[in-house]
N, C-alpha and C. Protein backbone atom coordinates (compact mmCIF):
# COMPACT_ATOMS: atom_id res chain seq x y z
N MET A 1 25.33 1.71 0.27
CA MET A 1 25.36 0.77 1.40
C MET A 1 26.50 0.60 2.28
N LEU A 2 26.07 1.01 3.56
CA LEU A 2 27.28 1.15 4.39
C LEU A 2 27.54 -0.49 4.95
N ILE A 3 28.92 -0.45 4.85
CA ILE A 3 29.89 -1.56 5.09
C ILE A 3 30.08 -1.57 6.68
N PRO A 4 29.88 -2.64 7.39
CA PRO A 4 29.84 -2.67 8.80
C PRO A 4 31.49 -2.13 9.16
N HIS A 5 31.94 -1.45 10.11
CA HIS A 5 33.40 -0.99 10.61
C HIS A 5 34.18 -2.17 10.29
N SER A 6 33.77 -3.24 10.82
CA SER A 6 34.57 -4.36 11.05
C SER A 6 35.29 -5.21 9.87
N HIS A 7 34.74 -4.47 8.20
CA HIS A 7 35.00 -5.03 7.13
C HIS A 7 35.94 -4.27 6.57
N LEU A 8 36.22 -3.17 7.30
CA LEU A 8 37.22 -1.75 6.68
C LEU A 8 38.72 -2.54 6.28
N LEU A 9 38.92 -2.25 5.14
CA LEU A 9 40.36 -2.63 4.58
C LEU A 9 41.49 -1.59 5.26
N LEU A 10 41.24 -1.00 5.96
CA LEU A 10 42.15 0.29 6.33
C LEU A 10 43.23 -0.39 7.64
N PRO A 11 44.29 0.16 7.68
CA PRO A 11 45.29 -0.55 8.49
C PRO A 11 44.83 -0.43 9.91
N ALA A 12 45.11 -1.68 11.01
CA ALA A 12 44.40 -1.78 12.21
C ALA A 12 44.90 -0.58 12.99
N SER A 13 45.97 -0.45 12.59
CA SER A 13 46.86 0.64 13.70
C SER A 13 47.22 1.58 12.94
N SER A 14 46.54 2.99 13.10
CA SER A 14 46.80 3.97 12.40
C SER A 14 46.86 5.26 13.19
N SER A 15 47.16 5.11 14.45
CA SER A 15 47.35 6.07 15.33
C SER A 15 48.22 7.57 14.80
N ALA A 16 49.00 7.33 13.95
CA ALA A 16 49.89 8.48 13.56
C ALA A 16 48.83 8.92 11.84
N ASN A 17 47.78 8.53 11.54
CA ASN A 17 47.27 8.83 10.51
C ASN A 17 46.00 9.48 10.68
N PHE A 18 45.55 10.63 10.99
CA PHE A 18 44.38 11.11 11.55
C PHE A 18 43.38 10.67 10.22
N ALA A 19 43.53 10.93 8.78
CA ALA A 19 42.80 10.81 7.95
C ALA A 19 41.97 9.40 7.92
N VAL A 20 42.95 8.44 8.43
CA VAL A 20 42.29 6.59 8.62
C VAL A 20 41.58 6.76 9.95
N ASP A 21 42.09 7.59 10.86
CA ASP A 21 41.16 7.33 12.25
C ASP A 21 39.83 8.23 11.86
N LEU A 22 40.06 9.19 11.60
CA LEU A 22 38.68 10.01 11.27
C LEU A 22 37.71 9.45 10.61
N LEU A 23 38.13 8.67 9.24
CA LEU A 23 37.24 7.88 8.66
C LEU A 23 36.49 6.51 9.22
N ARG A 24 37.68 6.01 10.01
CA ARG A 24 37.23 4.85 10.87
C ARG A 24 36.00 5.39 12.12
N GLU A 25 36.17 6.26 12.73
CA GLU A 25 35.26 6.96 13.21
C GLU A 25 34.05 7.33 12.37
N VAL A 26 34.08 7.96 11.44
CA VAL A 26 32.77 8.46 11.09
C VAL A 26 31.86 7.02 10.23
N ARG A 27 32.75 6.40 9.82
CA ARG A 27 32.07 5.19 9.67
C ARG A 27 31.36 4.30 10.38
N GLU A 28 31.91 4.23 11.50
CA GLU A 28 31.14 3.54 12.76
C GLU A 28 29.95 4.48 13.20
N MET A 29 30.11 5.48 13.13
CA MET A 29 28.80 6.50 13.47
C MET A 29 28.06 6.63 12.51
N SER A 30 28.06 6.39 11.41
CA SER A 30 27.28 6.50 10.09
C SER A 30 26.58 5.06 10.24
N TRP A 31 27.55 4.01 10.53
CA TRP A 31 26.70 2.69 10.66
C TRP A 31 25.80 2.97 11.95
N GLU A 32 26.05 3.43 12.89
CA GLU A 32 24.74 3.46 14.05
C GLU A 32 23.59 4.35 13.25
N TRP A 33 23.98 5.63 12.68
CA TRP A 33 22.93 6.59 12.16
C TRP A 33 22.05 5.80 11.38
N THR A 34 22.55 4.91 10.35
CA THR A 34 21.68 4.07 9.68
C THR A 34 20.60 3.31 10.33
N LYS A 35 21.36 2.39 11.08
CA LYS A 35 21.00 1.25 11.63
C LYS A 35 19.73 1.61 12.99
N MET A 36 20.27 2.97 12.86
CA MET A 36 18.76 3.63 13.97
C MET A 36 17.29 3.60 13.33
N LYS A 37 17.43 3.96 11.92
CA LYS A 37 16.29 3.88 11.24
C LYS A 37 16.10 2.68 10.29
N GLY A 38 17.17 1.81 9.87
CA GLY A 38 16.89 1.15 8.83
C GLY A 38 17.51 1.40 7.77
N PRO A 39 17.36 0.89 6.62
CA PRO A 39 18.39 1.20 5.31
C PRO A 39 17.63 2.65 4.70
N VAL A 40 18.61 3.22 4.27
CA VAL A 40 17.89 4.41 3.95
C VAL A 40 17.02 4.70 2.56
N SER A 41 17.16 3.28 1.96
CA SER A 41 16.48 3.16 0.96
C SER A 41 14.84 2.96 1.26
N ASP A 42 14.43 2.56 2.73
CA ASP A 42 13.57 2.58 3.14
C ASP A 42 12.85 3.82 4.12
N TRP A 43 13.51 4.84 4.04
CA TRP A 43 13.45 5.88 4.64
C TRP A 43 11.99 6.58 4.03
N PRO A 44 11.96 6.64 2.63
CA PRO A 44 10.70 7.34 2.13
C PRO A 44 9.52 6.44 2.98
N ALA A 45 9.40 5.46 2.72
CA ALA A 45 8.03 4.53 3.45
C ALA A 45 7.88 4.81 5.08
N LEU A 46 9.06 4.52 5.40
CA LEU A 46 9.28 4.98 7.20
C LEU A 46 8.89 6.38 7.06
N LEU A 47 9.33 7.25 6.90
CA LEU A 47 8.70 8.84 6.53
C LEU A 47 7.24 8.80 6.88
N LEU A 48 6.87 8.20 5.64
CA LEU A 48 5.45 8.16 5.42
C LEU A 48 4.50 7.65 6.56
N ALA A 49 5.09 6.46 6.94
CA ALA A 49 4.16 5.56 7.93
C ALA A 49 4.20 6.04 9.27
N GLU A 50 5.58 6.72 9.55
CA GLU A 50 5.75 7.78 11.01
C GLU A 50 4.96 8.80 10.94
N PHE A 51 4.91 9.46 9.81
CA PHE A 51 4.02 10.92 9.98
C PHE A 51 2.59 10.17 10.03
N LYS A 52 1.84 9.12 9.35
CA LYS A 52 0.69 9.10 9.62
C LYS A 52 0.78 8.51 11.10
N ALA A 53 1.17 7.68 11.79
CA ALA A 53 1.14 7.57 12.87
C ALA A 53 1.17 9.05 14.05
N ALA A 54 1.89 9.86 13.55
CA ALA A 54 2.14 10.97 14.43
C ALA A 54 0.90 11.65 14.31
N SER A 55 0.38 11.73 12.94
CA SER A 55 -0.83 12.54 12.80
C SER A 55 -1.97 11.97 13.55
N ARG A 56 -2.08 10.87 13.74
CA ARG A 56 -3.03 10.07 14.43
C ARG A 56 -3.03 10.15 15.99
N ASN A 57 -1.66 10.32 16.37
CA ASN A 57 -1.62 10.34 17.88
C ASN A 57 -1.11 11.74 18.15
N ARG A 58 -1.55 12.70 17.11
CA ARG A 58 -1.14 14.23 17.51
C ARG A 58 0.20 14.56 18.19
N LYS A 59 0.98 14.09 17.23
CA LYS A 59 2.47 14.15 17.77
C LYS A 59 3.59 14.21 16.33
N ILE A 60 3.07 15.07 15.59
CA ILE A 60 3.58 15.62 14.50
C ILE A 60 4.71 16.60 14.95
N ASP A 61 4.79 17.17 15.98
CA ASP A 61 5.68 18.20 16.28
C ASP A 61 6.91 17.29 16.64
N GLU A 62 6.60 16.03 17.41
CA GLU A 62 7.75 15.22 17.93
C GLU A 62 8.44 14.52 16.77
N PHE A 63 7.39 14.01 15.93
CA PHE A 63 7.66 13.27 14.65
C PHE A 63 8.83 14.52 13.97
N ARG A 64 8.55 15.79 13.83
CA ARG A 64 9.27 16.46 12.82
C ARG A 64 10.70 16.74 13.69
N SER A 65 10.65 16.66 14.87
CA SER A 65 11.80 17.12 15.65
C SER A 65 12.65 15.59 15.80
N ASP A 66 12.34 14.74 15.60
CA ASP A 66 13.11 13.47 15.94
C ASP A 66 13.97 13.34 14.33
N TRP A 67 13.10 13.59 13.45
CA TRP A 67 13.57 13.53 12.03
C TRP A 67 14.80 14.80 11.64
N ARG A 68 14.26 15.94 11.95
CA ARG A 68 15.07 16.99 11.75
C ARG A 68 16.56 16.83 12.60
N SER A 69 16.38 16.33 14.02
CA SER A 69 17.40 15.94 14.71
C SER A 69 18.25 14.89 13.83
N HIS A 70 17.81 13.73 13.30
CA HIS A 70 18.53 12.61 12.61
C HIS A 70 19.16 13.18 11.20
N SER A 71 18.50 14.26 10.76
CA SER A 71 19.31 15.16 9.61
C SER A 71 20.62 15.62 10.24
N GLY A 72 20.12 16.45 11.12
CA GLY A 72 21.49 17.03 11.59
C GLY A 72 22.46 16.14 12.24
N VAL A 73 22.39 15.25 12.46
CA VAL A 73 23.45 14.17 12.94
C VAL A 73 24.04 13.84 11.76
N GLY A 74 23.57 13.27 10.34
CA GLY A 74 24.03 13.18 9.15
C GLY A 74 24.62 14.25 8.65
N LYS A 75 24.13 15.51 9.01
CA LYS A 75 24.62 16.61 8.41
C LYS A 75 26.12 16.93 9.08
N ALA A 76 26.28 16.60 10.42
CA ALA A 76 27.50 16.80 11.15
C ALA A 76 28.45 15.45 10.71
N LEU A 77 28.19 14.64 10.30
CA LEU A 77 29.23 13.59 9.95
C LEU A 77 29.35 13.96 8.64
N VAL A 78 28.97 14.56 7.77
CA VAL A 78 29.46 14.76 6.33
C VAL A 78 30.53 15.97 6.53
N ARG A 79 29.98 16.70 7.50
CA ARG A 79 31.07 17.64 7.92
C ARG A 79 32.42 17.44 8.13
N MET A 80 32.18 15.91 9.09
CA MET A 80 33.73 15.28 9.67
C MET A 80 34.25 14.68 8.32
N LEU A 81 33.63 14.11 7.38
CA LEU A 81 34.23 13.48 6.10
C LEU A 81 35.21 14.36 5.50
N ARG A 82 34.33 15.90 5.76
CA ARG A 82 35.29 16.67 4.82
C ARG A 82 36.55 17.03 5.44
N ASP A 83 36.66 16.94 6.37
CA ASP A 83 37.84 17.22 7.38
C ASP A 83 39.09 16.02 6.84
N ILE A 84 38.51 15.18 6.38
CA ILE A 84 39.73 14.05 5.89
C ILE A 84 40.41 15.01 4.69
N ALA A 85 39.67 15.65 3.59
CA ALA A 85 40.39 16.18 2.68
C ALA A 85 41.40 17.29 3.10
N GLY A 86 41.58 17.60 4.42
CA GLY A 86 42.21 18.73 4.62
C GLY A 86 43.34 17.73 5.83
N SER A 87 43.13 16.68 5.99
CA SER A 87 44.52 16.11 7.05
C SER A 87 45.50 15.36 6.17
N LYS A 88 46.10 14.82 6.98
CA LYS A 88 47.70 13.96 6.21
C LYS A 88 46.70 12.57 6.07
N LEU A 89 47.07 12.63 4.78
CA LEU A 89 46.70 11.24 4.04
C LEU A 89 47.70 10.45 4.01
N PRO A 90 47.41 9.07 3.68
CA PRO A 90 48.27 7.79 3.84
C PRO A 90 49.16 8.16 2.93
N ASN A 91 50.66 7.72 2.87
CA ASN A 91 51.33 7.20 1.75
C ASN A 91 51.17 5.99 0.96
N ASP A 92 50.70 5.13 1.60
CA ASP A 92 50.34 3.94 0.72
C ASP A 92 49.38 3.94 -0.13
N PRO A 93 49.41 4.00 -1.44
CA PRO A 93 48.60 4.09 -2.72
C PRO A 93 47.17 3.26 -2.30
N VAL A 94 47.38 1.88 -2.02
CA VAL A 94 46.39 1.01 -1.86
C VAL A 94 45.42 1.56 -0.47
N VAL A 95 45.97 1.79 0.43
CA VAL A 95 45.16 2.79 1.75
C VAL A 95 44.63 3.63 1.18
N LEU A 96 45.09 4.73 0.64
CA LEU A 96 44.78 6.08 -0.06
C LEU A 96 43.60 5.79 -1.10
N ARG A 97 43.72 4.97 -1.77
CA ARG A 97 42.54 4.55 -2.55
C ARG A 97 41.30 4.30 -1.72
N ASP A 98 41.52 3.38 -0.78
CA ASP A 98 40.52 2.86 -0.08
C ASP A 98 39.83 4.03 0.88
N VAL A 99 40.90 5.19 1.27
CA VAL A 99 40.16 6.07 2.08
C VAL A 99 39.46 6.88 1.04
N PHE A 100 39.57 7.24 -0.05
CA PHE A 100 38.88 7.84 -1.35
C PHE A 100 37.80 7.03 -1.41
N ARG A 101 37.96 5.69 -1.60
CA ARG A 101 36.33 4.88 -1.60
C ARG A 101 35.38 5.05 -0.57
N GLN A 102 35.97 4.71 0.24
CA GLN A 102 34.94 4.76 1.82
C GLN A 102 34.36 6.04 1.86
N THR A 103 35.07 7.29 1.79
CA THR A 103 34.93 8.30 2.03
C THR A 103 33.76 8.77 0.82
N PHE A 104 33.90 8.48 -0.26
CA PHE A 104 32.65 8.47 -1.24
C PHE A 104 31.63 7.83 -0.93
N ASP A 105 31.79 6.63 -0.66
CA ASP A 105 30.63 5.62 0.11
C ASP A 105 29.70 6.42 0.91
N LEU A 106 30.42 6.75 2.11
CA LEU A 106 29.78 7.43 3.02
C LEU A 106 29.25 8.70 2.82
N ALA A 107 29.69 9.27 1.86
CA ALA A 107 29.36 10.91 1.57
C ALA A 107 28.18 10.52 0.60
N THR A 108 28.07 9.62 -0.13
CA THR A 108 26.79 8.70 -0.92
C THR A 108 25.82 8.48 -0.19
N THR A 109 25.82 7.60 1.12
CA THR A 109 24.86 7.34 1.71
C THR A 109 24.26 8.53 2.66
N LEU A 110 25.36 9.07 3.33
CA LEU A 110 24.75 10.17 4.15
C LEU A 110 24.12 11.43 3.24
N LEU A 111 24.37 11.58 2.46
CA LEU A 111 23.92 12.71 1.31
C LEU A 111 22.32 12.20 1.10
N THR A 112 22.43 11.05 0.45
CA THR A 112 21.25 10.44 -0.01
C THR A 112 20.00 10.64 1.36
N GLY A 113 20.63 9.95 2.27
CA GLY A 113 19.57 10.10 3.77
C GLY A 113 19.03 11.45 4.30
N ILE A 114 20.31 12.64 3.89
CA ILE A 114 19.82 13.99 4.38
C ILE A 114 18.96 14.18 3.47
N GLY A 115 19.06 14.15 2.30
CA GLY A 115 18.21 14.46 0.86
C GLY A 115 16.60 14.05 1.16
N ILE A 116 16.79 12.84 1.92
CA ILE A 116 15.27 11.98 1.83
C ILE A 116 14.53 12.73 2.88
N ILE A 117 15.37 12.69 3.91
CA ILE A 117 14.75 13.50 5.35
C ILE A 117 14.07 14.96 4.89
N ASP A 118 15.37 15.85 4.70
CA ASP A 118 14.86 17.25 4.17
C ASP A 118 13.63 17.11 3.40
N ALA A 119 13.66 16.61 2.43
CA ALA A 119 12.87 16.62 1.32
C ALA A 119 11.69 16.61 1.74
N HIS A 120 11.47 15.27 2.58
CA HIS A 120 10.11 14.77 3.13
C HIS A 120 9.39 15.59 3.94
N LEU A 121 10.22 16.09 4.96
CA LEU A 121 9.75 17.17 6.03
C LEU A 121 9.59 18.68 5.43
N ALA A 122 10.20 18.80 4.08
CA ALA A 122 9.95 20.10 3.47
C ALA A 122 8.28 19.91 2.92
N ALA A 123 8.29 18.84 2.48
CA ALA A 123 7.04 18.47 1.53
C ALA A 123 5.65 18.66 2.67
N LEU A 124 6.19 18.07 3.74
CA LEU A 124 5.10 18.00 4.67
C LEU A 124 4.71 19.21 5.21
N ASP A 125 5.75 20.22 5.46
CA ASP A 125 5.67 21.34 6.11
C ASP A 125 4.95 22.60 5.15
N SER A 126 5.11 22.19 4.00
CA SER A 126 4.48 22.95 2.65
C SER A 126 3.13 22.37 3.01
N ASN A 127 3.13 21.24 2.77
CA ASN A 127 1.70 20.94 2.60
C ASN A 127 0.87 21.31 4.13
N HIS A 128 1.41 21.17 4.97
CA HIS A 128 0.64 21.89 6.24
C HIS A 128 0.34 23.12 6.43
N ALA A 129 1.10 24.27 5.49
CA ALA A 129 1.02 25.59 5.59
C ALA A 129 -0.01 25.66 4.56
N VAL A 130 -0.54 24.65 3.67
CA VAL A 130 -1.58 25.23 2.65
C VAL A 130 -2.92 24.93 3.51
N HIS A 131 -2.84 23.78 4.12
CA HIS A 131 -4.09 23.35 4.76
C HIS A 131 -4.49 24.13 6.17
N LYS A 132 -3.56 25.08 6.50
CA LYS A 132 -3.88 25.95 7.50
C LYS A 132 -5.02 26.75 7.24
């Protein structure tokens, strides 16, 4: 579960620390990413409900495009998180530990969400191909 960026333990002023700044940016963007669709744990049911509605309204392509785009944003955020590992890390052990904890938390949430989306879309695509 993502923590709103206002609850970060990171120092408020970190202009000289790329890792802290990048983490803050990715956390805020990840918060928006999950807020758009609700909690990641609800996405399987949401995907199914939206798919059923899209099927009734003949908007399957729009449904797939929307969720593929959402997955793509999540993948871009994961790539940004990877950049933290190669950046200048904080010297303060407490802040460094927090950077790693938050990076792991974000990666877990992002990869879970991406996995849910990609697995559901793949299942829908394979099911659609069978029924053609």
